[in-house]
């Protein structure tokens, strides 16, 4: 077989696999409708599938969810049978539509339109990209109700996160300790902002090595949280709250190393409604969305640097502190690109360099329109090969591939990072 024949055969087999998966789900739904698991004394349909098909609990639950989604969504069923979507994309779309269904303000006709739109996007987006698109589908289809629906979803998520948060350290008896837990989006963002600088290659030294000689000679000072406040939190919840608080304290010190030229910090990107003079829903630098009330509370912290955007995504203002000269520019760059801007790259902003589209040595300014975030690999690539880096009409980066790549001459964009 030639290379082209191998690719064609792979695509044909993949399409057949999706159609066969649809057939399996149809049969799973028949088992469900006929209540065959109870006849076999199984506790649930998922349990029955585990026993009969020898699949994992997660796979069994996924099959049940997908089978029920296809039964209620003929259009989605047709898309899977004809391989317009694959099994992973099916799960993403089904969960997105289920989330819309939980909000009484979203009419059924709009949910049907969301289904059709996501199916249309599926050939161009992998499951992760499709999930990001699904998270913002209402903003695309019905901006007038999108914020109200998202606020309701965030409120549900906040309650779930507060209820489910915990943190455990489990000694395994062999010198290792297992760390396990769940944090809410805000707490996790604080932890990430504190730990990431210490995870970079140049900072992989022991705490003793990073201390100055004077610090190494000075005795260690112990610190503890005030344990006198009694409340109803579980031990797991207390550990989760303590970890987030310790990281908040660490972010206020001068001991942590710099990170991308900036001191470690938690950034919140907030759209500003000039007409009504109010803040909208915020986006943490981890990509998580938080409600306006959380934004207002976080903005009271001097170490939280708000980046305010206009309706079309222009940077209206970048928070300022005692920074390096490039600090505000980099924050604006992160607010625009979110991460590596190269097509299909998923590297976060904290791993990226600021690349000059027109080289600084050739007179290119260190200005937002001349900069683009690139991870180390793609930064080397655009210097090594003749990729043209430009800005589209909306001032977001576009990449035109060199002719020898065989990718055409149309500018390409990164669809991975969510746009605010």
Protein backbone atom coordinates (compact mmCIF):
# COMPACT_ATOMS: atom_id res chain seq x y z
CA UNK A 1 0.00 0.00 0.00
CA UNK A 2 1.14 3.52 -0.72
CA UNK A 3 1.17 6.15 2.03
CA UNK A 4 -2.01 7.66 0.60
CA UNK A 5 -3.72 4.25 0.59
CA UNK A 6 -2.75 3.68 4.24
CA UNK A 7 -4.28 7.02 5.23
CA UNK A 8 -7.43 6.34 3.20
CA UNK A 9 -7.79 2.89 4.77
CA UNK A 10 -7.30 4.34 8.27
CA UNK A 11 -10.03 6.94 7.70
CA UNK A 12 -12.41 4.33 6.28
CA UNK A 13 -11.81 2.00 9.23
CA UNK A 14 -12.33 4.89 11.65
CA UNK A 15 -15.66 5.79 10.00
CA UNK A 16 -16.76 2.17 10.20
CA UNK A 17 -15.74 2.07 13.84
CA UNK A 18 -18.04 5.01 14.65
CA UNK A 19 -20.97 3.37 12.84
CA UNK A 20 -20.31 0.13 14.74
CA UNK A 21 -20.16 2.08 18.02
CA UNK A 22 -23.57 3.58 17.16
CA UNK A 23 -24.93 0.04 16.66
CA UNK A 24 -23.59 -0.99 20.07
CA UNK A 25 -25.25 2.03 21.70
CA UNK A 26 -28.57 1.23 20.02
CA UNK A 27 -28.42 -2.26 21.52
CA UNK A 28 -27.44 -0.86 24.93
CA UNK A 29 -30.52 1.36 24.78
CA UNK A 30 -32.70 -1.66 23.99
CA UNK A 31 -31.28 -3.44 27.05
CA UNK A 32 -32.14 -0.31 29.04
CA UNK A 33 -35.69 0.02 27.70
CA UNK A 34 -36.45 -3.65 28.28
CA UNK A 35 -35.07 -3.44 31.84
CA UNK A 36 -32.99 -6.53 31.26
CA UNK A 37 -30.47 -5.71 34.04
CA UNK A 38 -33.13 -6.08 36.75
CA UNK A 39 -34.07 -9.48 35.32
CA UNK A 40 -30.44 -10.50 35.72
CA UNK A 41 -30.44 -8.99 39.25
CA UNK A 42 -27.88 -6.34 38.32
CA UNK A 43 -27.88 -3.17 40.41
CA UNK A 44 -27.79 -0.93 37.34
CA UNK A 45 -27.40 -0.94 33.59
CA UNK A 46 -23.75 0.13 33.99
CA UNK A 47 -23.11 -2.77 36.33
CA UNK A 48 -24.75 -5.17 33.87
CA UNK A 49 -22.55 -3.86 31.05
CA UNK A 50 -19.42 -4.29 33.16
CA UNK A 51 -20.35 -7.93 33.77
CA UNK A 52 -21.38 -8.79 30.20
CA UNK A 53 -18.80 -6.76 28.24
CA UNK A 54 -15.89 -6.77 30.72
CA UNK A 55 -15.47 -3.01 30.50
CA UNK A 56 -14.40 -0.55 33.18
CA UNK A 57 -16.98 1.28 35.34
CA UNK A 58 -16.13 4.54 33.58
CA UNK A 59 -16.60 3.02 30.13
CA UNK A 60 -19.88 1.40 31.18
CA UNK A 61 -21.28 4.68 32.52
CA UNK A 62 -20.16 6.46 29.35
CA UNK A 63 -21.96 3.92 27.18
CA UNK A 64 -25.17 4.36 29.17
CA UNK A 65 -24.97 8.15 28.88
CA UNK A 66 -24.24 8.01 25.16
CA UNK A 67 -27.02 5.49 24.45
CA UNK A 68 -29.60 7.67 26.20
CA UNK A 69 -28.32 10.78 24.42
CA UNK A 70 -28.71 9.14 20.99
CA UNK A 71 -32.23 8.00 21.90
CA UNK A 72 -33.27 11.58 22.69
CA UNK A 73 -31.27 13.24 19.90
CA UNK A 74 -31.93 11.71 16.44
CA UNK A 75 -29.68 14.30 14.79
CA UNK A 76 -26.79 13.33 17.03
CA UNK A 77 -27.55 9.66 16.34
CA UNK A 78 -27.34 10.28 12.57
CA UNK A 79 -24.08 12.22 12.99
CA UNK A 80 -22.45 9.28 14.80
CA UNK A 81 -23.77 6.67 12.33
CA UNK A 82 -22.34 8.66 9.42
CA UNK A 83 -19.08 9.43 11.30
CA UNK A 84 -19.68 13.19 11.28
CA UNK A 85 -18.79 12.95 14.98
CA UNK A 86 -16.77 10.30 16.79
CA UNK A 87 -17.49 8.65 20.13
CA UNK A 88 -15.43 11.14 22.16
CA UNK A 89 -17.07 14.11 20.45
CA UNK A 90 -20.45 12.53 21.10
CA UNK A 91 -19.77 12.56 24.85
CA UNK A 92 -18.70 16.20 24.73
CA UNK A 93 -21.79 17.32 22.80
CA UNK A 94 -24.14 15.25 24.97
CA UNK A 95 -22.73 16.73 28.19
CA UNK A 96 -22.95 20.25 26.76
CA UNK A 97 -26.60 19.76 25.78
CA UNK A 98 -27.36 18.21 29.16
CA UNK A 99 -25.89 21.29 30.84
CA UNK A 100 -28.10 23.57 28.72
CA UNK A 101 -31.13 21.46 29.63
CA UNK A 102 -30.56 22.12 33.34
CA UNK A 103 -31.10 25.84 32.80
CA UNK A 104 -34.81 26.65 32.53
CA UNK A 105 -34.01 29.86 30.63
CA UNK A 106 -32.65 27.94 27.62
CA UNK A 107 -35.57 26.94 25.33
CA UNK A 108 -35.60 23.56 23.61
CA UNK A 109 -35.32 25.14 20.15
CA UNK A 110 -32.08 26.84 21.19
CA UNK A 111 -30.69 23.54 22.52
CA UNK A 112 -31.52 21.96 19.15
CA UNK A 113 -29.65 24.78 17.39
CA UNK A 114 -26.69 24.28 19.72
CA UNK A 115 -26.66 20.57 18.84
CA UNK A 116 -26.67 21.31 15.11
CA UNK A 117 -23.91 23.92 15.47
CA UNK A 118 -21.63 21.65 17.50
CA UNK A 119 -22.13 18.81 15.02
CA UNK A 120 -21.18 21.19 12.21
CA UNK A 121 -18.01 22.19 14.09
CA UNK A 122 -17.02 18.62 14.96
CA UNK A 123 -15.08 17.86 11.73
CA UNK A 124 -12.71 20.75 12.52
CA UNK A 125 -12.32 20.38 16.30
CA UNK A 126 -10.94 17.62 18.49
CA UNK A 127 -12.87 16.73 21.70
CA UNK A 128 -10.96 19.23 23.87
CA UNK A 129 -11.48 22.06 21.39
CA UNK A 130 -15.13 21.07 20.97
CA UNK A 131 -15.61 21.18 24.75
CA UNK A 132 -14.24 24.73 24.84
CA UNK A 133 -16.61 25.65 21.99
CA UNK A 134 -19.51 24.02 23.85
CA UNK A 135 -18.71 26.04 26.97
CA UNK A 136 -19.27 29.21 24.94
CA UNK A 137 -22.04 28.02 22.60
CA UNK A 138 -24.69 30.31 24.08
CA UNK A 139 -22.45 33.34 23.61
CA UNK A 140 -22.31 32.37 19.93
CA UNK A 141 -26.02 31.63 19.45
CA UNK A 142 -27.84 33.78 22.00
CA UNK A 143 -25.66 36.47 23.60
CA UNK A 144 -28.71 38.02 25.26
CA UNK A 145 -29.15 35.03 27.59
CA UNK A 146 -25.59 33.68 27.63
CA UNK A 147 -24.39 35.56 30.70
CA UNK A 148 -27.55 34.75 32.68
CA UNK A 149 -27.22 31.07 31.84
CA UNK A 150 -23.51 31.05 32.65
CA UNK A 151 -24.10 32.75 36.00
CA UNK A 152 -26.61 30.01 36.87
CA UNK A 153 -24.15 27.33 35.81
CA UNK A 154 -21.36 28.95 37.82
CA UNK A 155 -23.58 29.11 40.89
CA UNK A 156 -24.26 25.38 40.61
CA UNK A 157 -20.56 24.73 40.10
CA UNK A 158 -19.63 26.85 43.15
CA UNK A 159 -22.00 24.86 45.37
CA UNK A 160 -20.65 21.58 44.03
CA UNK A 161 -17.03 22.70 44.46
CA UNK A 162 -17.62 23.89 48.03
CA UNK A 163 -19.38 20.65 48.89
CA UNK A 164 -16.80 18.34 47.30
CA UNK A 165 -13.51 20.06 48.18
CA UNK A 166 -10.96 18.00 50.11
CA UNK A 167 -7.21 17.37 50.35
CA UNK A 168 -5.34 14.33 51.69
CA UNK A 169 -1.71 13.30 52.22
CA UNK A 170 -1.50 9.49 52.39
CA UNK A 171 1.84 7.87 53.40
CA UNK A 172 2.41 4.69 51.39
CA UNK A 173 4.91 3.28 53.88
CA UNK A 174 7.86 3.32 51.49
CA UNK A 175 8.97 6.92 51.74
CA UNK A 176 6.30 8.18 49.32
CA UNK A 177 3.17 10.15 50.12
CA UNK A 178 0.12 10.17 47.87
CA UNK A 179 -1.45 13.62 47.39
CA UNK A 180 -5.11 13.57 46.44
CA UNK A 181 -7.95 16.03 46.54
CA UNK A 182 -10.35 18.40 44.83
CA UNK A 183 -10.15 22.21 44.92
CA UNK A 184 -12.58 24.80 43.65
CA UNK A 185 -11.52 26.74 40.54
CA UNK A 186 -10.32 29.78 42.50
CA UNK A 187 -8.34 27.72 45.03
CA UNK A 188 -6.76 25.62 42.29
CA UNK A 189 -5.74 28.76 40.40
CA UNK A 190 -4.03 30.12 43.53
CA UNK A 191 -2.15 26.83 44.02
CA UNK A 192 -1.12 26.72 40.37
CA UNK A 193 0.11 30.33 40.46
CA UNK A 194 2.27 29.52 43.50
CA UNK A 195 3.70 26.17 42.37
CA UNK A 196 4.33 26.74 38.67
CA UNK A 197 7.45 28.95 39.08
CA UNK A 198 9.09 26.17 41.11
CA UNK A 199 8.34 23.64 38.36
CA UNK A 200 10.31 25.39 35.61
CA UNK A 201 13.62 23.72 34.60
CA UNK A 202 15.82 26.54 35.94
CA UNK A 203 14.13 26.33 39.34
CA UNK A 204 14.47 22.56 39.88
CA UNK A 205 16.75 22.97 42.86
CA UNK A 206 16.17 22.12 46.44
CA UNK A 207 14.78 24.83 48.75
CA UNK A 208 18.15 24.74 50.63
CA UNK A 209 20.02 25.53 47.38
CA UNK A 210 17.71 28.45 46.62
CA UNK A 211 18.22 30.06 50.03
CA UNK A 212 20.88 32.67 50.48
CA UNK A 213 23.88 31.98 52.80
CA UNK A 214 22.35 34.31 55.38
CA UNK A 215 19.04 32.44 55.16
CA UNK A 216 20.80 29.08 55.50
CA UNK A 217 22.50 30.27 58.68
CA UNK A 218 19.32 31.63 60.21
CA UNK A 219 17.08 29.31 62.21
CA UNK A 220 13.84 28.17 60.62
CA UNK A 221 10.70 29.79 61.87
CA UNK A 222 7.65 27.62 62.21
CA UNK A 223 4.25 28.86 61.16
CA UNK A 224 0.79 27.46 61.65
CA UNK A 225 -2.78 28.33 60.89
CA UNK A 226 -5.04 29.51 63.67
CA UNK A 227 -6.72 26.31 64.86
CA UNK A 228 -8.89 28.00 67.46
CA UNK A 229 -11.74 28.68 65.07
CA UNK A 230 -14.18 25.80 65.28
CA UNK A 231 -16.41 25.15 62.28
CA UNK A 232 -18.22 22.36 60.51
CA UNK A 233 -15.55 21.68 57.90
CA UNK A 234 -14.28 18.14 57.43
CA UNK A 235 -10.54 17.40 57.81
CA UNK A 236 -10.30 17.11 54.02
CA UNK A 237 -11.96 20.49 53.54
CA UNK A 238 -9.67 22.07 56.15
CA UNK A 239 -6.59 20.79 54.35
CA UNK A 240 -7.93 22.12 51.05
CA UNK A 241 -8.55 25.57 52.56
CA UNK A 242 -5.16 25.54 54.32
CA UNK A 243 -3.28 24.74 51.13
CA UNK A 244 -4.94 27.59 49.28
CA UNK A 245 -4.23 29.99 52.17
CA UNK A 246 -0.56 28.97 52.40
CA UNK A 247 -0.18 29.64 48.69
CA UNK A 248 -1.87 33.03 49.07
CA UNK A 249 0.62 33.90 51.80
CA UNK A 250 3.52 32.71 49.63
CA UNK A 251 2.38 34.92 46.76
CA UNK A 252 2.68 37.96 49.02
CA UNK A 253 6.33 37.28 49.84
CA UNK A 254 9.46 38.13 47.86
CA UNK A 255 10.93 34.62 48.16
CA UNK A 256 9.38 32.97 45.10
CA UNK A 257 11.37 33.11 41.83
CA UNK A 258 10.25 35.16 38.85
CA UNK A 259 8.09 33.49 36.24
CA UNK A 260 8.23 34.62 32.61
CA UNK A 261 9.76 37.90 33.79
CA UNK A 262 6.94 38.43 36.28
CA UNK A 263 6.48 37.73 39.97
CA UNK A 264 4.04 34.84 40.57
CA UNK A 265 0.49 36.14 40.63
CA UNK A 266 -3.13 35.27 40.00
CA UNK A 267 -4.58 37.07 36.97
CA UNK A 268 -8.28 37.66 36.32
CA UNK A 269 -9.47 38.84 32.89
CA UNK A 270 -12.75 40.75 33.11
CA UNK A 271 -14.96 42.20 30.34
CA UNK A 272 -16.25 45.64 31.27
CA UNK A 273 -19.71 46.83 30.22
CA UNK A 274 -19.20 50.54 29.55
CA UNK A 275 -22.95 51.09 29.01
CA UNK A 276 -24.00 49.74 32.40
CA UNK A 277 -20.69 50.45 34.19
CA UNK A 278 -20.31 46.94 35.60
CA UNK A 279 -17.91 44.01 35.55
CA UNK A 280 -18.89 40.80 33.77
CA UNK A 281 -17.92 37.17 34.32
CA UNK A 282 -14.16 36.78 34.87
CA UNK A 283 -11.66 34.27 33.50
CA UNK A 284 -8.76 33.05 35.66
CA UNK A 285 -5.39 32.54 33.99
CA UNK A 286 -6.07 28.78 34.22
CA UNK A 287 -9.05 29.19 31.87
CA UNK A 288 -11.68 28.66 34.61
CA UNK A 289 -14.65 31.07 34.68
CA UNK A 290 -15.78 32.79 37.89
CA UNK A 291 -18.79 34.97 38.70
CA UNK A 292 -18.76 38.74 38.98
CA UNK A 293 -19.05 38.60 42.79
CA UNK A 294 -15.83 36.55 42.95
CA UNK A 295 -14.14 39.08 40.63
CA UNK A 296 -15.08 41.98 42.90
CA UNK A 297 -13.73 40.17 45.95
CA UNK A 298 -10.48 39.15 44.25
CA UNK A 299 -9.96 42.70 42.97
CA UNK A 300 -9.61 43.85 46.60
CA UNK A 301 -6.30 41.92 46.86
CA UNK A 302 -3.34 44.12 45.89
CA UNK A 303 -1.58 41.07 44.43
CA UNK A 304 -4.47 40.29 42.10
CA UNK A 305 -3.86 42.16 38.83
CA UNK A 306 -7.11 42.77 36.92
CA UNK A 307 -6.99 43.01 33.12
CA UNK A 308 -10.09 44.81 31.83
CA UNK A 309 -11.26 44.10 28.27
CA UNK A 310 -13.70 45.98 26.05
CA UNK A 311 -16.57 44.40 24.13
CA UNK A 312 -14.37 43.35 21.19
CA UNK A 313 -11.55 42.02 23.36
CA UNK A 314 -9.32 45.12 23.26
CA UNK A 315 -7.17 45.62 26.36
CA UNK A 316 -8.59 48.75 28.03
CA UNK A 317 -6.43 48.64 31.14
CA UNK A 318 -3.76 46.39 32.63
CA UNK A 319 -3.25 46.36 36.40
CA UNK A 320 0.10 47.78 37.50
CA UNK A 321 2.37 47.03 40.46
CA UNK A 322 6.13 47.29 41.02
CA UNK A 323 7.00 45.34 37.91
CA UNK A 324 9.70 44.86 35.33
CA UNK A 325 9.26 47.16 32.35
CA UNK A 326 7.74 44.33 30.30
CA UNK A 327 5.27 43.25 33.00
CA UNK A 328 2.13 45.10 31.82
CA UNK A 329 2.86 44.21 28.17
CA UNK A 330 3.19 40.52 29.00
CA UNK A 331 -0.07 40.57 30.96
CA UNK A 332 -1.80 42.14 27.97
CA UNK A 333 -0.21 39.49 25.74
CA UNK A 334 -1.46 36.68 27.99
CA UNK A 335 -4.93 38.23 28.04
CA UNK A 336 -4.98 38.19 24.23
CA UNK A 337 -3.30 34.85 23.38
CA UNK A 338 -4.03 32.80 26.54
CA UNK A 339 -1.19 30.40 25.64
CA UNK A 340 0.97 29.39 22.71
CA UNK A 341 -0.75 30.96 19.71
CA UNK A 342 0.62 28.43 17.19
CA UNK A 343 -2.18 26.39 15.55
CA UNK A 344 -3.36 23.42 17.68
CA UNK A 345 -0.77 23.94 20.43
CA UNK A 346 -2.12 23.55 23.98
CA UNK A 347 0.86 24.92 25.94
CA UNK A 348 -0.26 27.40 28.63
CA UNK A 349 0.95 30.99 28.78
CA UNK A 350 3.27 30.33 31.71
CA UNK A 351 5.39 28.06 29.45
CA UNK A 352 5.62 30.60 26.61
CA UNK A 353 8.05 33.25 25.38
CA UNK A 354 7.06 36.60 23.89
CA UNK A 355 8.16 36.39 20.24
CA UNK A 356 8.75 39.57 18.22
CA UNK A 357 7.02 39.25 14.82
CA UNK A 358 9.50 41.81 13.51
CA UNK A 359 12.80 41.10 15.22
CA UNK A 360 13.87 43.57 17.88
CA UNK A 361 17.33 43.54 16.26
CA UNK A 362 15.69 44.71 13.03
CA UNK A 363 13.93 47.60 14.74
CA UNK A 364 10.72 45.81 15.76
CA UNK A 365 9.15 47.43 18.82
CA UNK A 366 8.30 45.65 22.07
CA UNK A 367 4.62 46.45 21.58
CA UNK A 368 1.51 44.28 21.78
CA UNK A 369 0.88 44.25 18.00
CA UNK A 370 4.46 43.07 17.40
CA UNK A 371 4.39 40.28 19.98
CA UNK A 372 2.94 36.79 20.07
CA UNK A 373 3.12 34.07 22.74
CA UNK A 374 4.95 30.93 21.59
CA UNK A 375 6.08 27.86 23.51
CA UNK A 376 9.76 26.91 23.26
CA UNK A 377 9.20 24.34 20.50
CA UNK A 378 7.16 26.62 18.24
CA UNK A 379 9.37 29.61 19.03
CA UNK A 380 12.33 27.68 17.63
CA UNK A 381 10.20 26.52 14.70
CA UNK A 382 9.23 30.01 13.49
CA UNK A 383 12.87 31.09 13.71
CA UNK A 384 14.05 28.00 11.83
CA UNK A 385 11.39 27.81 9.09
CA UNK A 386 9.67 30.58 7.07
CA UNK A 387 6.32 30.68 8.87
CA UNK A 388 4.71 34.10 8.46
CA UNK A 389 3.19 35.41 11.69
CA UNK A 390 0.55 38.09 11.18
CA UNK A 391 -2.46 39.59 12.92
CA UNK A 392 -6.02 39.14 11.69
CA UNK A 393 -8.69 41.86 11.54
CA UNK A 394 -9.48 41.19 15.22
CA UNK A 395 -5.76 41.64 16.12
CA UNK A 396 -5.27 37.97 17.03
CA UNK A 397 -2.27 36.03 15.66
CA UNK A 398 -2.45 34.09 12.39
CA UNK A 399 0.20 31.77 10.95
CA UNK A 400 0.76 31.21 7.22
CA UNK A 401 2.70 27.98 6.61
CA UNK A 402 5.73 27.82 4.32
CA UNK A 403 5.02 26.37 0.84
CA UNK A 404 6.95 23.12 1.43
CA UNK A 405 4.57 22.15 4.25
CA UNK A 406 1.76 21.48 1.78
CA UNK A 407 -0.82 23.08 4.09
CA UNK A 408 -2.05 25.69 1.62
CA UNK A 409 -1.62 29.43 1.81
CA UNK A 410 -4.53 30.30 4.11
CA UNK A 411 -3.64 31.70 7.54
CA UNK A 412 -4.13 29.24 10.40
CA UNK A 413 -5.18 29.98 13.97
CA UNK A 414 -5.06 28.26 17.32
CA UNK A 415 -8.57 27.11 18.22
CA UNK A 416 -7.52 25.42 21.45
CA UNK A 417 -7.39 28.36 23.83
CA UNK A 418 -10.81 29.83 24.73
CA UNK A 419 -11.27 33.42 23.59
CA UNK A 420 -12.74 35.88 26.06
